[in-house]
């Protein structure tokens, strides 16, 4: 889903208003609002947020251009880093 980060950010913000304790961590790859929010999820703890945005990802730069960099997260080890980040936050 190319709208993944936008959908997740809206869902997390809606849930965190209801019960912030239900979400331990959020990981974004190619965060569509990265530039506008300075790599954060408004209203959500920065320590629980991990954003991966490659320099060659046109989505992260604010232009919302799906470039080769936006499609490269699965092959560069970033997925494993994000998974590790989620695991380290599990149960906290």
C-alpha atoms as a PDB file:
ATOM      1  CA  UNK A   1       0.000   0.000   0.000  1.00  0.00           C
ATOM      2  CA  UNK A   2       1.609   3.255  -1.088  1.00  0.00           C
ATOM      3  CA  UNK A   3      -0.492   5.152   1.415  1.00  0.00           C
ATOM      4  CA  UNK A   4       0.809   3.145   4.385  1.00  0.00           C
ATOM      5  CA  UNK A   5       2.469   5.909   6.415  1.00  0.00           C
ATOM      6  CA  UNK A   6      -0.489   8.267   5.951  1.00  0.00           C
ATOM      7  CA  UNK A   7      -2.974   5.614   7.057  1.00  0.00           C
ATOM      8  CA  UNK A   8      -0.851   4.540  10.021  1.00  0.00           C
ATOM      9  CA  UNK A   9      -0.287   8.109  11.213  1.00  0.00           C
ATOM     10  CA  UNK A  10      -4.009   8.866  11.157  1.00  0.00           C
ATOM     11  CA  UNK A  11      -4.850   5.602  12.931  1.00  0.00           C
ATOM     12  CA  UNK A  12      -2.211   6.114  15.628  1.00  0.00           C
ATOM     13  CA  UNK A  13      -3.327   9.679  16.245  1.00  0.00           C
ATOM     14  CA  UNK A  14      -6.961   8.575  16.547  1.00  0.00           C
ATOM     15  CA  UNK A  15      -6.098   5.697  18.883  1.00  0.00           C
ATOM     16  CA  UNK A  16      -3.683   7.683  21.011  1.00  0.00           C
ATOM     17  CA  UNK A  17      -6.467  10.154  21.776  1.00  0.00           C
ATOM     18  CA  UNK A  18      -8.610   7.291  23.070  1.00  0.00           C
ATOM     19  CA  UNK A  19      -5.933   5.309  24.906  1.00  0.00           C
ATOM     20  CA  UNK A  20      -2.288   6.263  24.408  1.00  0.00           C
ATOM     21  CA  UNK A  21      -1.095   3.169  26.267  1.00  0.00           C
ATOM     22  CA  UNK A  22      -2.287   0.805  23.557  1.00  0.00           C
ATOM     23  CA  UNK A  23       0.452   1.766  21.089  1.00  0.00           C
ATOM     24  CA  UNK A  24       4.038   1.099  22.163  1.00  0.00           C
ATOM     25  CA  UNK A  25       5.886   2.103  19.007  1.00  0.00           C
ATOM     26  CA  UNK A  26       5.479   3.257  15.428  1.00  0.00           C
ATOM     27  CA  UNK A  27       7.864   2.712  12.522  1.00  0.00           C
ATOM     28  CA  UNK A  28       7.522   4.533   9.220  1.00  0.00           C
ATOM     29  CA  UNK A  29       9.251   3.798   5.934  1.00  0.00           C
ATOM     30  CA  UNK A  30       8.990   6.615   3.424  1.00  0.00           C
ATOM     31  CA  UNK A  31       6.907   8.822   5.719  1.00  0.00           C
ATOM     32  CA  UNK A  32       4.812  11.083   3.526  1.00  0.00           C
ATOM     33  CA  UNK A  33       4.704  13.856   6.127  1.00  0.00           C
ATOM     34  CA  UNK A  34       8.341  13.560   7.154  1.00  0.00           C
ATOM     35  CA  UNK A  35       9.341  17.031   6.021  1.00  0.00           C
ATOM     36  CA  UNK A  36       6.195  18.746   7.312  1.00  0.00           C
ATOM     37  CA  UNK A  37       6.437  17.173  10.784  1.00  0.00           C
ATOM     38  CA  UNK A  38      10.241  17.106  11.110  1.00  0.00           C
ATOM     39  CA  UNK A  39      10.227  13.315  11.232  1.00  0.00           C
ATOM     40  CA  UNK A  40       7.727  13.088  14.060  1.00  0.00           C
ATOM     41  CA  UNK A  41       4.164  11.985  14.519  1.00  0.00           C
ATOM     42  CA  UNK A  42       2.318  14.977  16.005  1.00  0.00           C
ATOM     43  CA  UNK A  43       0.968  14.233  19.461  1.00  0.00           C
ATOM     44  CA  UNK A  44       2.871  10.963  19.772  1.00  0.00           C
ATOM     45  CA  UNK A  45       6.052  10.462  21.844  1.00  0.00           C
ATOM     46  CA  UNK A  46       9.188  10.922  19.704  1.00  0.00           C
ATOM     47  CA  UNK A  47      10.992   8.229  21.714  1.00  0.00           C
ATOM     48  CA  UNK A  48       8.420   5.716  20.477  1.00  0.00           C
ATOM     49  CA  UNK A  49       8.649   6.807  16.835  1.00  0.00           C
ATOM     50  CA  UNK A  50      11.197   5.607  14.299  1.00  0.00           C
ATOM     51  CA  UNK A  51      11.211   7.082  10.802  1.00  0.00           C
ATOM     52  CA  UNK A  52      13.245   5.693   7.935  1.00  0.00           C
ATOM     53  CA  UNK A  53      13.595   8.084   5.019  1.00  0.00           C
ATOM     54  CA  UNK A  54      16.271   7.479   2.439  1.00  0.00           C
ATOM     55  CA  UNK A  55      18.002  10.450   0.838  1.00  0.00           C
ATOM     56  CA  UNK A  56      16.821   9.228  -2.557  1.00  0.00           C
ATOM     57  CA  UNK A  57      13.189   8.775  -1.479  1.00  0.00           C
ATOM     58  CA  UNK A  58      11.170  11.493  -3.205  1.00  0.00           C
ATOM     59  CA  UNK A  59       8.246  10.961  -0.849  1.00  0.00           C
ATOM     60  CA  UNK A  60      10.248  11.964   2.217  1.00  0.00           C
ATOM     61  CA  UNK A  61      11.454  15.181   0.648  1.00  0.00           C
ATOM     62  CA  UNK A  62       7.973  16.640   0.521  1.00  0.00           C
ATOM     63  CA  UNK A  63       7.442  16.298  -3.231  1.00  0.00           C
ATOM     64  CA  UNK A  64       5.572  13.013  -2.784  1.00  0.00           C
ATOM     65  CA  UNK A  65       7.337  11.556  -5.800  1.00  0.00           C
ATOM     66  CA  UNK A  66       7.555   7.767  -5.695  1.00  0.00           C
ATOM     67  CA  UNK A  67      11.171   7.275  -6.752  1.00  0.00           C
ATOM     68  CA  UNK A  68      13.370   4.180  -6.793  1.00  0.00           C
ATOM     69  CA  UNK A  69      14.504   5.100  -3.268  1.00  0.00           C
ATOM     70  CA  UNK A  70      10.948   4.856  -1.997  1.00  0.00           C
ATOM     71  CA  UNK A  71      10.801   1.273  -3.213  1.00  0.00           C
ATOM     72  CA  UNK A  72      14.216   0.243  -1.870  1.00  0.00           C
ATOM     73  CA  UNK A  73      13.503  -0.203   1.840  1.00  0.00           C
ATOM     74  CA  UNK A  74      12.944  -3.949   1.510  1.00  0.00           C
ATOM     75  CA  UNK A  75      16.379  -4.554   0.018  1.00  0.00           C
ATOM     76  CA  UNK A  76      18.646  -2.363   2.133  1.00  0.00           C
ATOM     77  CA  UNK A  77      18.218  -3.873   5.617  1.00  0.00           C
ATOM     78  CA  UNK A  78      15.947  -1.096   6.808  1.00  0.00           C
ATOM     79  CA  UNK A  79      13.026  -3.456   7.376  1.00  0.00           C
ATOM     80  CA  UNK A  80      15.127  -5.432   9.863  1.00  0.00           C
ATOM     81  CA  UNK A  81      16.139  -2.245  11.680  1.00  0.00           C
ATOM     82  CA  UNK A  82      12.513  -1.202  11.981  1.00  0.00           C
ATOM     83  CA  UNK A  83      11.481  -4.633  13.217  1.00  0.00           C
ATOM     84  CA  UNK A  84      14.220  -4.539  15.846  1.00  0.00           C
ATOM     85  CA  UNK A  85      12.999  -1.132  16.951  1.00  0.00           C
ATOM     86  CA  UNK A  86       9.465  -2.486  17.395  1.00  0.00           C
ATOM     87  CA  UNK A  87      10.667  -5.555  19.262  1.00  0.00           C
ATOM     88  CA  UNK A  88      12.724  -3.431  21.655  1.00  0.00           C
ATOM     89  CA  UNK A  89       9.608  -1.388  22.500  1.00  0.00           C
ATOM     90  CA  UNK A  90       7.312  -4.419  22.906  1.00  0.00           C
ATOM     91  CA  UNK A  91       5.954  -4.812  26.386  1.00  0.00           C
ATOM     92  CA  UNK A  92       6.988  -1.366  27.579  1.00  0.00           C
END
